[in-house]
Amino acid sequence: MTTPQADIPSCSLCLFQPVCRNAETTHADAARERTLVPARILWRAGESVHRQGRPVLALYPIHQGSTKSVFESPLGWRQVTAFAHPGDVLGLEDLDGHAHCTSAVAMRDTRCCVVPVEAAREHLLRAEHREHMLAILRRNTERERTLLVAIGSMKAAQRLAMLLLDLSVEQRRRGKAGAALTLAMSRNDIASYLGLTLETVSRLLARFASVGLITVRQRQLRIVDPDGLCAVYEDPDRVPIRPPATATDSAAGSPRPQPSLAGVIRSSVA
């Protein structure tokens, strides 16, 4: 069993932290009921934590790593619908159903706690925990609504700027403000998530870097100009994200590292 680690973001942000013995610290309130001792399982990159259409047997708080949610239509096409990171709980939206609505796929080696669905229901339906769960569900619903609006009405540069800014918010929420972002998702995943083509995502990442909004080195991305990204998000037509042709053409032939991104859509930019 893993030792208690409530000081790390994954435990401190987890929905089950108040009742999980893995998250207990020396300052824990002795009167607080802690009855969960979830096991932890490692999924390798590319493996499914849970699959669409399979019975809901457990919820999976992410301890380390990151995942993507993938919806597969009866016609066979696939769409990335969400990304999850340490502290997020996989399968929460499916708690009241009998089967998972999407598949959760590890984007890199990912370790999750495993909370049996009966125990999850018992704890989350208690009044003291229900509001926290509902707040998370409301936030996720708002993210889905914002993504639909973005795909339906925003330009490509706005969508990508929104995702990068949200990624920065998630870093700050986990106590890593200002740090370089370790990227997990591929550009194909970004394109699927934002309703863009792979070529558009690659071109915009290069443009953002060329005008000083971001820097990308291997799997590390740093937001250099957050105000500039906010301006792109608000109105890409008034921001010069198209670099001079000579500068772009001369750099186009040089190899660039493949960047990837991780994050979730929020309804506003913090």
Protein backbone atom coordinates (compact mmCIF):
# COMPACT_ATOMS: atom_id res chain seq x y z
CA MET A 1 0.00 0.00 0.00
CA THR A 2 1.27 3.45 -0.88
CA THR A 3 2.18 5.70 2.03
CA PRO A 4 -0.04 8.71 2.83
CA GLN A 5 0.70 11.71 0.62
CA ALA A 6 -1.89 14.40 1.31
CA ASP A 7 0.67 17.12 0.60
CA ILE A 8 0.86 16.30 -3.11
CA PRO A 9 -1.72 17.86 -5.44
CA SER A 10 -3.32 14.58 -6.51
CA CYS A 11 -4.42 13.80 -2.95
CA SER A 12 -5.24 17.33 -1.83
CA LEU A 13 -7.48 17.91 -4.89
CA CYS A 14 -9.15 14.49 -4.85
CA LEU A 15 -12.88 14.25 -4.24
CA PHE A 16 -12.29 11.36 -1.82
CA GLN A 17 -9.56 13.05 0.22
CA PRO A 18 -11.73 13.62 3.32
CA VAL A 19 -12.51 9.90 3.68
CA CYS A 20 -9.36 8.28 2.28
CA ARG A 21 -6.74 6.83 4.58
CA ASN A 22 -4.12 7.16 1.86
CA ALA A 23 -4.54 10.94 2.21
CA GLU A 24 -4.30 11.01 6.01
CA THR A 25 -1.67 13.26 7.60
CA THR A 26 -0.41 13.84 11.12
CA HIS A 27 -2.68 16.91 11.28
CA ALA A 28 -5.78 14.93 10.34
CA ASP A 29 -8.86 15.49 12.41
CA ALA A 30 -9.22 12.38 14.57
CA ALA A 31 -12.98 12.80 14.58
CA ARG A 32 -13.18 12.75 10.79
CA GLU A 33 -14.37 9.44 9.40
CA ARG A 34 -11.83 7.85 7.06
CA THR A 35 -13.02 4.52 5.73
CA LEU A 36 -11.56 4.23 2.22
CA VAL A 37 -8.24 2.50 1.61
CA PRO A 38 -8.19 2.24 -2.18
CA ALA A 39 -5.66 0.14 -4.02
CA ARG A 40 -3.54 1.77 -6.73
CA ILE A 41 -3.03 0.31 -10.19
CA LEU A 42 -0.60 1.38 -12.91
CA TRP A 43 -1.81 1.68 -16.51
CA ARG A 44 0.84 2.00 -19.21
CA ALA A 45 0.55 4.67 -21.90
CA GLY A 46 -2.12 3.65 -24.41
CA GLU A 47 -3.95 1.29 -22.07
CA SER A 48 -7.62 1.87 -21.15
CA VAL A 49 -8.49 2.56 -17.54
CA HIS A 50 -12.13 1.90 -18.41
CA ARG A 51 -13.91 1.29 -21.71
CA GLN A 52 -17.02 2.77 -23.27
CA GLY A 53 -20.04 0.51 -22.88
CA ARG A 54 -18.48 -1.61 -20.12
CA PRO A 55 -20.19 -1.83 -16.70
CA VAL A 56 -19.30 0.83 -14.13
CA LEU A 57 -17.46 -1.15 -11.44
CA ALA A 58 -15.29 1.56 -9.88
CA LEU A 59 -14.22 5.20 -9.95
CA TYR A 60 -10.56 6.02 -10.58
CA PRO A 61 -8.97 9.05 -8.89
CA ILE A 62 -5.76 9.86 -10.77
CA HIS A 63 -2.70 9.80 -8.53
CA GLN A 64 -0.03 10.28 -11.21
CA GLY A 65 -0.11 10.71 -14.97
CA SER A 66 -2.93 11.83 -17.26
CA THR A 67 -5.68 10.40 -19.45
CA LYS A 68 -7.95 11.34 -22.33
CA SER A 69 -11.64 10.52 -22.67
CA VAL A 70 -12.57 9.13 -26.08
CA PHE A 71 -16.08 8.70 -27.46
CA GLU A 72 -16.60 6.19 -30.25
CA SER A 73 -19.77 6.45 -32.33
CA PRO A 74 -21.65 3.40 -33.66
CA LEU A 75 -20.33 4.44 -37.10
CA GLY A 76 -16.75 4.01 -35.92
CA TRP A 77 -15.43 7.58 -35.70
CA ARG A 78 -13.63 8.62 -32.53
CA GLN A 79 -13.62 11.98 -30.73
CA VAL A 80 -11.46 13.13 -27.81
CA THR A 81 -13.87 14.75 -25.36
CA ALA A 82 -11.83 15.53 -22.23
CA PHE A 83 -8.47 15.32 -20.51
CA ALA A 84 -7.87 14.41 -16.88
CA HIS A 85 -4.90 14.95 -14.57
CA PRO A 86 -3.80 14.18 -10.98
CA GLY A 87 -6.63 14.86 -8.57
CA ASP A 88 -9.38 14.30 -11.15
CA VAL A 89 -11.73 11.32 -10.80
CA LEU A 90 -12.39 9.14 -13.83
CA GLY A 91 -15.90 7.76 -14.26
CA LEU A 92 -17.62 10.28 -11.99
CA GLU A 93 -20.15 11.28 -14.66
CA ASP A 94 -21.10 7.61 -15.06
CA LEU A 95 -21.75 7.01 -11.35
CA ASP A 96 -25.54 6.90 -11.73
CA GLY A 97 -25.47 4.76 -14.87
CA HIS A 98 -24.76 1.14 -15.64
CA ALA A 99 -22.10 1.61 -18.34
CA HIS A 100 -19.29 4.04 -19.12
CA CYS A 101 -20.20 6.65 -21.75
CA THR A 102 -16.60 7.08 -22.94
CA SER A 103 -13.27 5.28 -22.69
CA ALA A 104 -10.46 6.64 -20.51
CA VAL A 105 -7.06 6.06 -22.12
CA ALA A 106 -3.72 6.71 -20.42
CA MET A 107 -1.70 9.31 -22.36
CA ARG A 108 1.41 8.34 -20.39
CA ASP A 109 2.05 5.85 -17.59
CA THR A 110 -0.77 6.61 -15.15
CA ARG A 111 -1.40 5.39 -11.63
CA CYS A 112 -4.98 5.55 -10.34
CA CYS A 113 -6.65 4.68 -7.07
CA VAL A 114 -9.56 2.25 -7.45
CA VAL A 115 -12.73 3.03 -5.48
CA PRO A 116 -15.45 0.37 -5.89
CA VAL A 117 -18.65 1.91 -7.18
CA GLU A 118 -20.68 0.79 -4.13
CA ALA A 119 -18.25 2.54 -1.76
CA ALA A 120 -18.19 5.64 -3.98
CA ARG A 121 -21.95 5.89 -3.99
CA GLU A 122 -22.11 5.42 -0.23
CA HIS A 123 -19.72 8.29 0.44
CA LEU A 124 -20.69 10.71 -2.30
CA LEU A 125 -24.39 10.54 -1.56
CA ARG A 126 -23.82 11.75 1.98
CA ALA A 127 -24.85 15.37 2.47
CA GLU A 128 -21.35 16.49 3.53
CA HIS A 129 -19.80 15.17 0.30
CA ARG A 130 -22.65 15.62 -2.16
CA GLU A 131 -22.15 19.34 -2.73
CA HIS A 132 -18.46 18.85 -3.57
CA MET A 133 -19.39 16.16 -6.10
CA LEU A 134 -22.13 18.33 -7.63
CA ALA A 135 -19.71 21.26 -7.90
CA ILE A 136 -17.28 19.10 -9.89
CA LEU A 137 -20.06 17.84 -12.14
CA ARG A 138 -21.28 21.41 -12.74
CA ARG A 139 -17.76 22.49 -13.64
CA ASN A 140 -17.36 19.60 -16.06
CA THR A 141 -20.72 20.39 -17.66
CA GLU A 142 -19.66 24.02 -18.09
CA ARG A 143 -16.45 22.88 -19.74
CA GLU A 144 -18.39 20.76 -22.20
CA ARG A 145 -20.70 23.69 -22.98
CA THR A 146 -17.73 26.01 -23.51
CA LEU A 147 -16.08 23.50 -25.82
CA LEU A 148 -19.25 23.23 -27.91
CA VAL A 149 -19.40 27.02 -28.22
CA ALA A 150 -15.71 27.14 -29.14
CA ILE A 151 -16.07 24.52 -31.86
CA GLY A 152 -19.22 26.11 -33.20
CA SER A 153 -18.25 29.78 -33.23
CA MET A 154 -14.58 30.43 -32.37
CA LYS A 155 -11.71 30.64 -34.82
CA ALA A 156 -8.93 28.10 -34.68
CA ALA A 157 -6.44 30.45 -32.98
CA GLN A 158 -8.97 31.26 -30.26
CA ARG A 159 -9.56 27.60 -29.51
CA LEU A 160 -5.88 26.83 -29.14
CA ALA A 161 -5.24 29.95 -27.05
CA MET A 162 -8.13 28.96 -24.78
CA LEU A 163 -6.67 25.50 -24.26
CA LEU A 164 -3.19 26.86 -23.47
CA LEU A 165 -4.57 29.37 -20.99
CA ASP A 166 -6.64 26.69 -19.31
CA LEU A 167 -3.56 24.50 -19.05
CA SER A 168 -1.83 27.35 -17.23
CA VAL A 169 -4.77 27.64 -14.83
CA GLU A 170 -4.54 23.92 -14.08
CA GLN A 171 -0.82 24.25 -13.36
CA ARG A 172 -1.51 27.10 -10.95
CA ARG A 173 -4.30 25.12 -9.25
CA ARG A 174 -1.77 22.36 -8.58
CA GLY A 175 0.76 24.78 -7.07
CA LYS A 176 3.06 25.03 -10.09
CA ALA A 177 2.43 28.57 -11.29
CA GLY A 178 5.11 29.80 -13.70
CA ALA A 179 6.63 26.37 -14.26
CA ALA A 180 7.09 24.91 -17.69
CA LEU A 181 4.24 22.64 -18.69
CA THR A 182 5.05 18.98 -19.20
CA LEU A 183 2.92 18.02 -22.18
CA ALA A 184 1.11 14.72 -22.48
CA MET A 185 -1.33 14.83 -25.37
CA SER A 186 -0.38 14.55 -29.01
CA ARG A 187 -1.23 17.11 -31.68
CA ASN A 188 -3.70 14.59 -33.08
CA ASP A 189 -5.47 14.59 -29.71
CA ILE A 190 -5.51 18.39 -29.66
CA ALA A 191 -6.98 18.48 -33.15
CA SER A 192 -9.70 15.99 -32.22
CA TYR A 193 -10.54 17.80 -29.00
CA LEU A 194 -10.76 21.27 -30.56
CA GLY A 195 -12.40 20.20 -33.82
CA LEU A 196 -9.39 21.20 -35.93
CA THR A 197 -7.08 19.46 -38.37
CA LEU A 198 -3.61 18.26 -37.44
CA GLU A 199 -2.11 20.70 -39.95
CA THR A 200 -3.95 23.65 -38.38
CA VAL A 201 -2.78 22.76 -34.87
CA SER A 202 0.83 22.38 -36.02
CA ARG A 203 0.74 25.65 -37.94
CA LEU A 204 -0.75 27.60 -35.01
CA LEU A 205 1.74 26.22 -32.50
CA ALA A 206 4.56 27.32 -34.78
CA ARG A 207 3.00 30.79 -35.19
CA PHE A 208 2.45 31.23 -31.46
CA ALA A 209 6.11 30.36 -30.89
CA SER A 210 7.40 32.57 -33.70
CA VAL A 211 5.74 35.70 -32.29
CA GLY A 212 6.84 35.04 -28.72
CA LEU A 213 3.63 33.81 -27.12
CA ILE A 214 5.06 30.41 -26.16
CA THR A 215 8.24 28.38 -26.31
CA VAL A 216 8.31 24.63 -26.94
CA ARG A 217 11.28 22.36 -26.34
CA GLN A 218 10.68 18.64 -26.70
CA ARG A 219 7.78 17.95 -24.29
CA GLN A 220 8.11 21.18 -22.33
CA LEU A 221 5.92 24.18 -23.17
CA ARG A 222 6.21 27.57 -21.47
CA ILE A 223 3.72 30.41 -21.85
CA VAL A 224 5.89 33.49 -22.35
CA ASP A 225 3.17 36.08 -22.97
CA PRO A 226 -0.10 35.21 -21.19
CA ASP A 227 -1.57 38.65 -21.98
CA GLY A 228 -0.87 38.07 -25.65
CA LEU A 229 -2.61 34.69 -25.50
CA CYS A 230 -5.59 36.34 -23.78
CA ALA A 231 -5.72 38.88 -26.62
CA VAL A 232 -5.75 36.05 -29.18
CA TYR A 233 -8.52 34.34 -27.23
CA GLU A 234 -10.59 37.53 -27.22
CA ASP A 235 -9.99 38.60 -30.82
CA PRO A 236 -7.39 36.88 -33.02
CA ASP A 237 -7.87 39.41 -35.81
CA ARG A 238 -6.23 42.20 -33.82
CA VAL A 239 -3.18 40.14 -32.80
CA PRO A 240 -0.29 39.66 -35.29
CA ILE A 241 0.00 35.87 -35.06
CA ARG A 242 1.06 35.67 -38.70
CA PRO A 243 4.84 36.23 -38.73
CA PRO A 244 6.62 37.84 -41.70
CA ALA A 245 6.85 35.48 -44.66
CA THR A 246 10.65 35.54 -44.77
CA ALA A 247 11.02 34.56 -41.13
CA THR A 248 8.43 31.82 -41.44
CA ASP A 249 9.76 30.40 -44.67
CA SER A 250 13.33 30.26 -43.45
CA ALA A 251 12.31 28.37 -40.32
CA ALA A 252 9.83 26.08 -42.05
CA GLY A 253 12.47 23.72 -43.33
CA SER A 254 14.09 23.13 -39.94
CA PRO A 255 12.79 20.22 -37.88
CA ARG A 256 10.58 21.12 -34.92
CA PRO A 257 9.84 18.98 -31.88
CA GLN A 258 6.31 17.60 -31.75
CA PRO A 259 4.54 19.49 -28.99
CA SER A 260 1.58 18.11 -27.10
CA LEU A 261 -0.80 19.67 -24.60
CA ALA A 262 -2.80 18.60 -21.56
CA GLY A 263 -5.73 20.36 -19.91
CA VAL A 264 -9.44 20.81 -19.61
CA ILE A 265 -11.67 23.56 -20.97
CA ARG A 266 -12.94 26.09 -18.46
CA SER A 267 -15.77 28.53 -18.94
CA SER A 268 -13.53 31.52 -18.25
CA VAL A 269 -9.86 32.42 -18.27
CA ALA A 270 -8.48 32.98 -14.81
